[in-house]
């Protein structure tokens, strides 16, 4: 029987929200193994002078506990 753990992470990007989510997954994959699911919980952005300068994606990831 497998046991999974769920964590929330924030990825960021200057390109897009999709890229921000991908960056969160890539970063998590450097230290977590067995990632099985990713859910986009929320999108936000940092704005300066009416321009989006940073996209942020709050993601919830599940991974198998060894």
PDB file of N, CA and C in Angstrom:
ATOM      1  N   UNK A   1       0.846  -1.183   0.000  1.00  0.00           N
ATOM      2  CA  UNK A   1       0.000   0.000   0.000  1.00  0.00           C
ATOM      3  C   UNK A   1       0.886   1.239   0.000  1.00  0.00           C
ATOM      4  N   UNK A   2       0.624   2.148  -0.931  1.00  0.00           N
ATOM      5  CA  UNK A   2       1.414   3.378  -1.035  1.00  0.00           C
ATOM      6  C   UNK A   2       0.810   4.490  -0.184  1.00  0.00           C
ATOM      7  N   UNK A   3       1.690   5.303   0.355  1.00  0.00           N
ATOM      8  CA  UNK A   3       1.272   6.480   1.122  1.00  0.00           C
ATOM      9  C   UNK A   3       1.762   7.709   0.371  1.00  0.00           C
ATOM     10  N   UNK A   4       0.876   8.685   0.208  1.00  0.00           N
ATOM     11  CA  UNK A   4       1.242   9.920  -0.487  1.00  0.00           C
ATOM     12  C   UNK A   4       1.201  11.097   0.466  1.00  0.00           C
ATOM     13  N   UNK A   5       2.000  12.098   0.160  1.00  0.00           N
ATOM     14  CA  UNK A   5       2.007  13.352   0.909  1.00  0.00           C
ATOM     15  C   UNK A   5       1.648  14.464  -0.069  1.00  0.00           C
ATOM     16  N   UNK A   6       0.940  15.472   0.420  1.00  0.00           N
ATOM     17  CA  UNK A   6       0.526  16.605  -0.403  1.00  0.00           C
ATOM     18  C   UNK A   6       1.145  17.876   0.177  1.00  0.00           C
ATOM     19  N   UNK A   7       1.755  18.692  -0.706  1.00  0.00           N
ATOM     20  CA  UNK A   7       2.356  19.955  -0.274  1.00  0.00           C
ATOM     21  C   UNK A   7       1.918  21.069  -1.229  1.00  0.00           C
ATOM     22  N   UNK A   8       1.950  22.302  -0.736  1.00  0.00           N
ATOM     23  CA  UNK A   8       1.675  23.486  -1.560  1.00  0.00           C
ATOM     24  C   UNK A   8       2.989  24.206  -1.839  1.00  0.00           C
ATOM     25  N   UNK A   9       3.167  24.615  -3.087  1.00  0.00           N
ATOM     26  CA  UNK A   9       4.364  25.338  -3.504  1.00  0.00           C
ATOM     27  C   UNK A   9       3.951  26.509  -4.388  1.00  0.00           C
ATOM     28  N   UNK A  10       4.797  27.522  -4.473  1.00  0.00           N
ATOM     29  CA  UNK A  10       4.564  28.644  -5.373  1.00  0.00           C
ATOM     30  C   UNK A  10       5.704  28.690  -6.378  1.00  0.00           C
ATOM     31  N   UNK A  11       5.333  28.640  -7.658  1.00  0.00           N
ATOM     32  CA  UNK A  11       6.303  28.812  -8.732  1.00  0.00           C
ATOM     33  C   UNK A  11       6.149  30.203  -9.315  1.00  0.00           C
ATOM     34  N   UNK A  12       7.222  30.753  -9.868  1.00  0.00           N
ATOM     35  CA  UNK A  12       7.116  32.073 -10.486  1.00  0.00           C
ATOM     36  C   UNK A  12       7.814  32.078 -11.838  1.00  0.00           C
ATOM     37  N   UNK A  13       7.430  33.059 -12.643  1.00  0.00           N
ATOM     38  CA  UNK A  13       7.979  33.184 -13.993  1.00  0.00           C
ATOM     39  C   UNK A  13       7.737  34.599 -14.493  1.00  0.00           C
ATOM     40  N   UNK A  14       8.598  35.048 -15.373  1.00  0.00           N
ATOM     41  CA  UNK A  14       8.368  36.336 -16.037  1.00  0.00           C
ATOM     42  C   UNK A  14       7.657  36.134 -17.372  1.00  0.00           C
ATOM     43  N   UNK A  15       7.364  34.874 -17.721  1.00  0.00           N
ATOM     44  CA  UNK A  15       6.793  34.542 -19.023  1.00  0.00           C
ATOM     45  C   UNK A  15       5.280  34.305 -18.968  1.00  0.00           C
ATOM     46  N   UNK A  16       4.822  33.372 -18.084  1.00  0.00           N
ATOM     47  CA  UNK A  16       3.402  33.002 -18.060  1.00  0.00           C
ATOM     48  C   UNK A  16       3.072  32.228 -16.781  1.00  0.00           C
ATOM     49  N   UNK A  17       1.756  32.060 -16.541  1.00  0.00           N
ATOM     50  CA  UNK A  17       1.332  31.257 -15.401  1.00  0.00           C
ATOM     51  C   UNK A  17       1.664  29.788 -15.630  1.00  0.00           C
ATOM     52  N   UNK A  18       1.532  29.332 -16.870  1.00  0.00           N
ATOM     53  CA  UNK A  18       1.876  27.945 -17.175  1.00  0.00           C
ATOM     54  C   UNK A  18       3.354  27.691 -16.883  1.00  0.00           C
ATOM     55  N   UNK A  19       4.194  28.612 -17.257  1.00  0.00           N
ATOM     56  CA  UNK A  19       5.626  28.494 -16.994  1.00  0.00           C
ATOM     57  C   UNK A  19       5.904  28.531 -15.491  1.00  0.00           C
ATOM     58  N   UNK A  20       5.154  29.339 -14.754  1.00  0.00           N
ATOM     59  CA  UNK A  20       5.310  29.395 -13.296  1.00  0.00           C
ATOM     60  C   UNK A  20       4.984  28.038 -12.669  1.00  0.00           C
ATOM     61  N   UNK A  21       3.909  27.403 -13.129  1.00  0.00           N
ATOM     62  CA  UNK A  21       3.548  26.075 -12.617  1.00  0.00           C
ATOM     63  C   UNK A  21       4.615  25.050 -12.976  1.00  0.00           C
ATOM     64  N   UNK A  22       5.109  25.135 -14.208  1.00  0.00           N
ATOM     65  CA  UNK A  22       6.162  24.211 -14.645  1.00  0.00           C
ATOM     66  C   UNK A  22       7.429  24.410 -13.815  1.00  0.00           C
ATOM     67  N   UNK A  23       7.761  25.657 -13.498  1.00  0.00           N
ATOM     68  CA  UNK A  23       8.944  25.937 -12.679  1.00  0.00           C
ATOM     69  C   UNK A  23       8.793  25.367 -11.270  1.00  0.00           C
ATOM     70  N   UNK A  24       7.582  25.406 -10.719  1.00  0.00           N
ATOM     71  CA  UNK A  24       7.346  24.810  -9.405  1.00  0.00           C
ATOM     72  C   UNK A  24       7.588  23.305  -9.466  1.00  0.00           C
ATOM     73  N   UNK A  25       7.088  22.667 -10.514  1.00  0.00           N
ATOM     74  CA  UNK A  25       7.277  21.225 -10.675  1.00  0.00           C
ATOM     75  C   UNK A  25       8.750  20.875 -10.871  1.00  0.00           C
ATOM     76  N   UNK A  26       9.426  21.639 -11.712  1.00  0.00           N
ATOM     77  CA  UNK A  26      10.851  21.385 -11.966  1.00  0.00           C
ATOM     78  C   UNK A  26      11.676  21.551 -10.687  1.00  0.00           C
ATOM     79  N   UNK A  27      11.393  22.606  -9.951  1.00  0.00           N
ATOM     80  CA  UNK A  27      12.112  22.831  -8.697  1.00  0.00           C
ATOM     81  C   UNK A  27      11.848  21.739  -7.681  1.00  0.00           C
ATOM     82  N   UNK A  28      10.594  21.335  -7.549  1.00  0.00           N
ATOM     83  CA  UNK A  28      10.249  20.282  -6.592  1.00  0.00           C
ATOM     84  C   UNK A  28      10.886  18.954  -6.987  1.00  0.00           C
ATOM     85  N   UNK A  29      10.960  18.709  -8.287  1.00  0.00           N
ATOM     86  CA  UNK A  29      11.525  17.452  -8.767  1.00  0.00           C
ATOM     87  C   UNK A  29      12.998  17.279  -8.453  1.00  0.00           C
ATOM     88  N   UNK A  30      13.684  18.355  -8.098  1.00  0.00           N
ATOM     89  CA  UNK A  30      15.104  18.247  -7.731  1.00  0.00           C
ATOM     90  C   UNK A  30      15.301  17.570  -6.384  1.00  0.00           C
ATOM     91  N   UNK A  31      14.299  17.666  -5.505  1.00  0.00           N
ATOM     92  CA  UNK A  31      14.453  17.055  -4.178  1.00  0.00           C
ATOM     93  C   UNK A  31      13.359  16.051  -3.839  1.00  0.00           C
ATOM     94  N   UNK A  32      12.248  16.070  -4.579  1.00  0.00           N
ATOM     95  CA  UNK A  32      11.164  15.121  -4.327  1.00  0.00           C
ATOM     96  C   UNK A  32      11.133  14.088  -5.444  1.00  0.00           C
ATOM     97  N   UNK A  33      10.859  12.851  -5.076  1.00  0.00           N
ATOM     98  CA  UNK A  33      10.774  11.782  -6.062  1.00  0.00           C
ATOM     99  C   UNK A  33       9.378  11.185  -6.017  1.00  0.00           C
ATOM    100  N   UNK A  34       8.907  10.702  -7.131  1.00  0.00           N
ATOM    101  CA  UNK A  34       7.604  10.052  -7.174  1.00  0.00           C
ATOM    102  C   UNK A  34       6.434  11.023  -7.168  1.00  0.00           C
ATOM    103  N   UNK A  35       6.603  12.220  -7.765  1.00  0.00           N
ATOM    104  CA  UNK A  35       5.492  13.166  -7.858  1.00  0.00           C
ATOM    105  C   UNK A  35       4.438  12.549  -8.769  1.00  0.00           C
ATOM    106  N   UNK A  36       3.197  12.501  -8.287  1.00  0.00           N
ATOM    107  CA  UNK A  36       2.133  11.833  -9.034  1.00  0.00           C
ATOM    108  C   UNK A  36       1.058  12.775  -9.537  1.00  0.00           C
ATOM    109  N   UNK A  37       0.848  13.902  -8.869  1.00  0.00           N
ATOM    110  CA  UNK A  37      -0.234  14.808  -9.240  1.00  0.00           C
ATOM    111  C   UNK A  37       0.184  16.252  -8.992  1.00  0.00           C
ATOM    112  N   UNK A  38      -0.425  17.140  -9.781  1.00  0.00           N
ATOM    113  CA  UNK A  38      -0.216  18.569  -9.603  1.00  0.00           C
ATOM    114  C   UNK A  38      -1.557  19.258  -9.852  1.00  0.00           C
ATOM    115  N   UNK A  39      -1.960  20.087  -8.912  1.00  0.00           N
ATOM    116  CA  UNK A  39      -3.203  20.848  -9.038  1.00  0.00           C
ATOM    117  C   UNK A  39      -2.872  22.338  -8.959  1.00  0.00           C
ATOM    118  N   UNK A  40      -3.380  23.100  -9.914  1.00  0.00           N
ATOM    119  CA  UNK A  40      -3.228  24.555  -9.853  1.00  0.00           C
ATOM    120  C   UNK A  40      -4.301  25.070  -8.904  1.00  0.00           C
ATOM    121  N   UNK A  41      -3.885  25.656  -7.798  1.00  0.00           N
ATOM    122  CA  UNK A  41      -4.820  26.140  -6.787  1.00  0.00           C
ATOM    123  C   UNK A  41      -5.190  27.592  -7.038  1.00  0.00           C
ATOM    124  N   UNK A  42      -4.196  28.400  -7.422  1.00  0.00           N
ATOM    125  CA  UNK A  42      -4.436  29.835  -7.574  1.00  0.00           C
ATOM    126  C   UNK A  42      -3.380  30.451  -8.482  1.00  0.00           C
ATOM    127  N   UNK A  43      -3.820  31.430  -9.270  1.00  0.00           N
ATOM    128  CA  UNK A  43      -2.907  32.235 -10.067  1.00  0.00           C
ATOM    129  C   UNK A  43      -2.864  33.634  -9.491  1.00  0.00           C
ATOM    130  N   UNK A  44      -1.676  34.219  -9.384  1.00  0.00           N
ATOM    131  CA  UNK A  44      -1.528  35.614  -8.979  1.00  0.00           C
ATOM    132  C   UNK A  44      -0.408  36.229  -9.823  1.00  0.00           C
ATOM    133  N   UNK A  45      -0.259  37.538  -9.713  1.00  0.00           N
ATOM    134  CA  UNK A  45       0.800  38.205 -10.465  1.00  0.00           C
ATOM    135  C   UNK A  45       1.267  39.429  -9.697  1.00  0.00           C
ATOM    136  N   UNK A  46       2.532  39.775  -9.895  1.00  0.00           N
ATOM    137  CA  UNK A  46       3.079  41.009  -9.347  1.00  0.00           C
ATOM    138  C   UNK A  46       2.991  42.057 -10.447  1.00  0.00           C
ATOM    139  N   UNK A  47       2.469  43.235 -10.093  1.00  0.00           N
ATOM    140  CA  UNK A  47       2.236  44.297 -11.068  1.00  0.00           C
ATOM    141  C   UNK A  47       2.985  45.563 -10.663  1.00  0.00           C
ATOM    142  N   UNK A  48       3.643  46.177 -11.639  1.00  0.00           N
ATOM    143  CA  UNK A  48       4.286  47.483 -11.450  1.00  0.00           C
ATOM    144  C   UNK A  48       3.932  48.332 -12.666  1.00  0.00           C
ATOM    145  N   UNK A  49       3.478  49.546 -12.413  1.00  0.00           N
ATOM    146  CA  UNK A  49       3.105  50.483 -13.479  1.00  0.00           C
ATOM    147  C   UNK A  49       2.143  49.852 -14.489  1.00  0.00           C
ATOM    148  N   UNK A  50       1.126  49.182 -13.962  1.00  0.00           N
ATOM    149  CA  UNK A  50       0.086  48.548 -14.778  1.00  0.00           C
ATOM    150  C   UNK A  50       0.607  47.460 -15.713  1.00  0.00           C
ATOM    151  N   UNK A  51       1.759  46.891 -15.410  1.00  0.00           N
ATOM    152  CA  UNK A  51       2.338  45.805 -16.193  1.00  0.00           C
ATOM    153  C   UNK A  51       2.611  44.616 -15.292  1.00  0.00           C
ATOM    154  N   UNK A  52       2.274  43.422 -15.752  1.00  0.00           N
ATOM    155  CA  UNK A  52       2.619  42.214 -15.007  1.00  0.00           C
ATOM    156  C   UNK A  52       4.111  41.984 -15.176  1.00  0.00           C
ATOM    157  N   UNK A  53       4.812  41.939 -14.051  1.00  0.00           N
ATOM    158  CA  UNK A  53       6.258  41.690 -14.126  1.00  0.00           C
ATOM    159  C   UNK A  53       6.622  40.291 -13.649  1.00  0.00           C
ATOM    160  N   UNK A  54       5.685  39.627 -12.939  1.00  0.00           N
ATOM    161  CA  UNK A  54       5.955  38.266 -12.483  1.00  0.00           C
ATOM    162  C   UNK A  54       4.640  37.515 -12.333  1.00  0.00           C
ATOM    163  N   UNK A  55       4.582  36.332 -12.950  1.00  0.00           N
ATOM    164  CA  UNK A  55       3.433  35.439 -12.828  1.00  0.00           C
ATOM    165  C   UNK A  55       3.732  34.452 -11.712  1.00  0.00           C
ATOM    166  N   UNK A  56       2.703  34.166 -10.907  1.00  0.00           N
ATOM    167  CA  UNK A  56       2.883  33.205  -9.804  1.00  0.00           C
ATOM    168  C   UNK A  56       1.773  32.171  -9.841  1.00  0.00           C
ATOM    169  N   UNK A  57       2.128  30.929  -9.602  1.00  0.00           N
ATOM    170  CA  UNK A  57       1.155  29.841  -9.569  1.00  0.00           C
ATOM    171  C   UNK A  57       1.314  29.086  -8.255  1.00  0.00           C
ATOM    172  N   UNK A  58       0.243  29.054  -7.474  1.00  0.00           N
ATOM    173  CA  UNK A  58       0.209  28.234  -6.268  1.00  0.00           C
ATOM    174  C   UNK A  58      -0.233  26.849  -6.700  1.00  0.00           C
ATOM    175  N   UNK A  59       0.623  25.866  -6.499  1.00  0.00           N
ATOM    176  CA  UNK A  59       0.329  24.504  -6.934  1.00  0.00           C
ATOM    177  C   UNK A  59       0.342  23.555  -5.746  1.00  0.00           C
ATOM    178  N   UNK A  60      -0.497  22.552  -5.832  1.00  0.00           N
ATOM    179  CA  UNK A  60      -0.564  21.499  -4.808  1.00  0.00           C
ATOM    180  C   UNK A  60      -0.060  20.231  -5.481  1.00  0.00           C
ATOM    181  N   UNK A  61       0.986  19.639  -4.887  1.00  0.00           N
ATOM    182  CA  UNK A  61       1.592  18.436  -5.448  1.00  0.00           C
ATOM    183  C   UNK A  61       1.461  17.262  -4.502  1.00  0.00           C
ATOM    184  N   UNK A  62       1.263  16.116  -5.091  1.00  0.00           N
ATOM    185  CA  UNK A  62       1.240  14.862  -4.323  1.00  0.00           C
ATOM    186  C   UNK A  62       2.421  14.020  -4.761  1.00  0.00           C
ATOM    187  N   UNK A  63       3.053  13.355  -3.815  1.00  0.00           N
ATOM    188  CA  UNK A  63       4.150  12.464  -4.130  1.00  0.00           C
ATOM    189  C   UNK A  63       4.125  11.269  -3.192  1.00  0.00           C
ATOM    190  N   UNK A  64       4.664  10.169  -3.669  1.00  0.00           N
ATOM    191  CA  UNK A  64       4.680   8.943  -2.899  1.00  0.00           C
ATOM    192  C   UNK A  64       5.776   9.007  -1.851  1.00  0.00           C
ATOM    193  N   UNK A  65       5.436   8.656  -0.620  1.00  0.00           N
ATOM    194  CA  UNK A  65       6.400   8.622   0.477  1.00  0.00           C
ATOM    195  C   UNK A  65       7.136   7.284   0.427  1.00  0.00           C
ATOM    196  N   UNK A  66       8.470   7.360   0.435  1.00  0.00           N
ATOM    197  CA  UNK A  66       9.287   6.135   0.427  1.00  0.00           C
ATOM    198  C   UNK A  66       9.213   5.410   1.754  1.00  0.00           C
TER     199      UNK A  66
END
